[in-house]
Amino acid sequence: MTAAAADEVRAERDIVGVWCGCVLLAAVVLIPVLGWLAPLGFAGLLALMGLLSLPAIRMTDEDRPVLIVLLAALVWAAVSTTWSPYHPKNASTSTVLKLAFMLPLGWSAVCGARRADPRLRNWALRILTWGLGVFGAVLLVEGFTGGELYRRLHVAFYEPIRPDLAQANVAHATFVLALLWPAALLGGLRTRWEAWLLVPIVAAGTLLAAHEFKGDAPVIAVPLAALVALAVWRWPRAAPKALAAMAAVLFLTMPGIVWAVRATGDYGVIESDIPLSWSMRMGYWSHAIDWIRDRPLRGWGLDASRMMGPGIQLHPHNGELQAWLELGAVGAVAAAAFWWLSLSRLSRPASDRTAAGVAASATIFLLFGTLNFGIWQEWWLGLGGLLVVIAAMQAPRPPARTST
């Protein structure tokens, strides 16, 4: 390659880097706003970021195993629609079609974060860090006022809303902040005074709003994230691999765990003694393992749990059981492989703040997936994709030689 050609290539790469950096800057401004006011917009934000970052899309040798697993899982999910009892009415309700677009666009967004100009990437991380700090302060206000700030904005700019529904939406926002803050703040903080200021605000805002508005899982998530981050910081080589193994085992054994508890004879007693929301979850899980037992290998097909009411409403509120129920052992093995490959990559020879924060956020994603959300919910997958983008923002820029 001539010197002139090399200069032209470098100039083109700089243009792509600046462009991807600008995309990141716009996105990090929106993330806290969407988290508070419109979490359903996360899927659209990730897709738009991916579309705008297509010039940066690459696949390194280290990426290949994870992407192969995801592609294989997507193909299996598509095949499973041939025997699923659920039939989407149109393209807008087709989960497999949405997944087919989300995978490449989500990966493109991750590549864009990696490729972004380092200076702009650092600015984006700083803006996100402080944006989440403001988000935490807003949730503190919401907790003290009973969600009044959200309700007034909803009435002023959209439509009237009952106070209890406003509080439920604010509770939803606590899941977003509980998930994102470890990855963003632990990697984005640069000075000790920032840590002393922002981390307590974010933690207090999440805990207060979640407690006031009956969001149990985020209350668990804050101390759990701190424990995981400390463990990965203290044992940077072993802890991520231990987390990876636990995640994989959880996906492979979840039906057996529920069955074992039910076999003790105490399942019904526990179910009747706990709050209604948890009792309903246990009912879903019990019905799910009965369905899984009938088709353990191939499952009932993508979105089949939508058709299993009244025992299961929409999904079993447990990602591991949903993988088994809809995609069978094949899907569960694919999910286990994905989490093993993803989390084990966080193993480091020395303590690393980024690895500690990302591991903590990944653990919270697993927690919420196990207790709250369906694995195909678009906003939830979009939020998970944005978590990977935040991790990529803190990773070294990709080497010059990559496969495409």
Foldseek 3Di string as FASTA:
>chain_A
DDPVVVVVVVVVLQVLQAQLLVLLQVLLVCLLVCLQANLLCLLVSLLVLLVSQVVQQFAFPLRVVLLVLLVVLLVLQVVQQVQFPDDDPDPVPDLSNSSVSSSNSLRSNLSSLLSHDLVSLLVSLQSNLVSLLVSLLVLVVCLVVLLPVNQVVCVVPPNHDDSLVSLVSNLSSLLLLLQQNLLRNLLNDDDPVSCVRRLVSSLVSSCSSCVSNVNPLSVVLSVLLVVQLVVCLVQVAPSLLVLLQVQLVCLQCVLVVLVVVVVVVCLVVVLVPDDPLVSLLNQLSVVLSVLLVVPQAQARHPQNLCVDPPSGHSASQAASSRQCRHGHNSSSNSSSSSSNSVSNVRRDPHRDSNSSSLSSSVVSLNSSNGHPDYPSSSSSVSSVSVSSSSSSSSDHRDDPDGHD
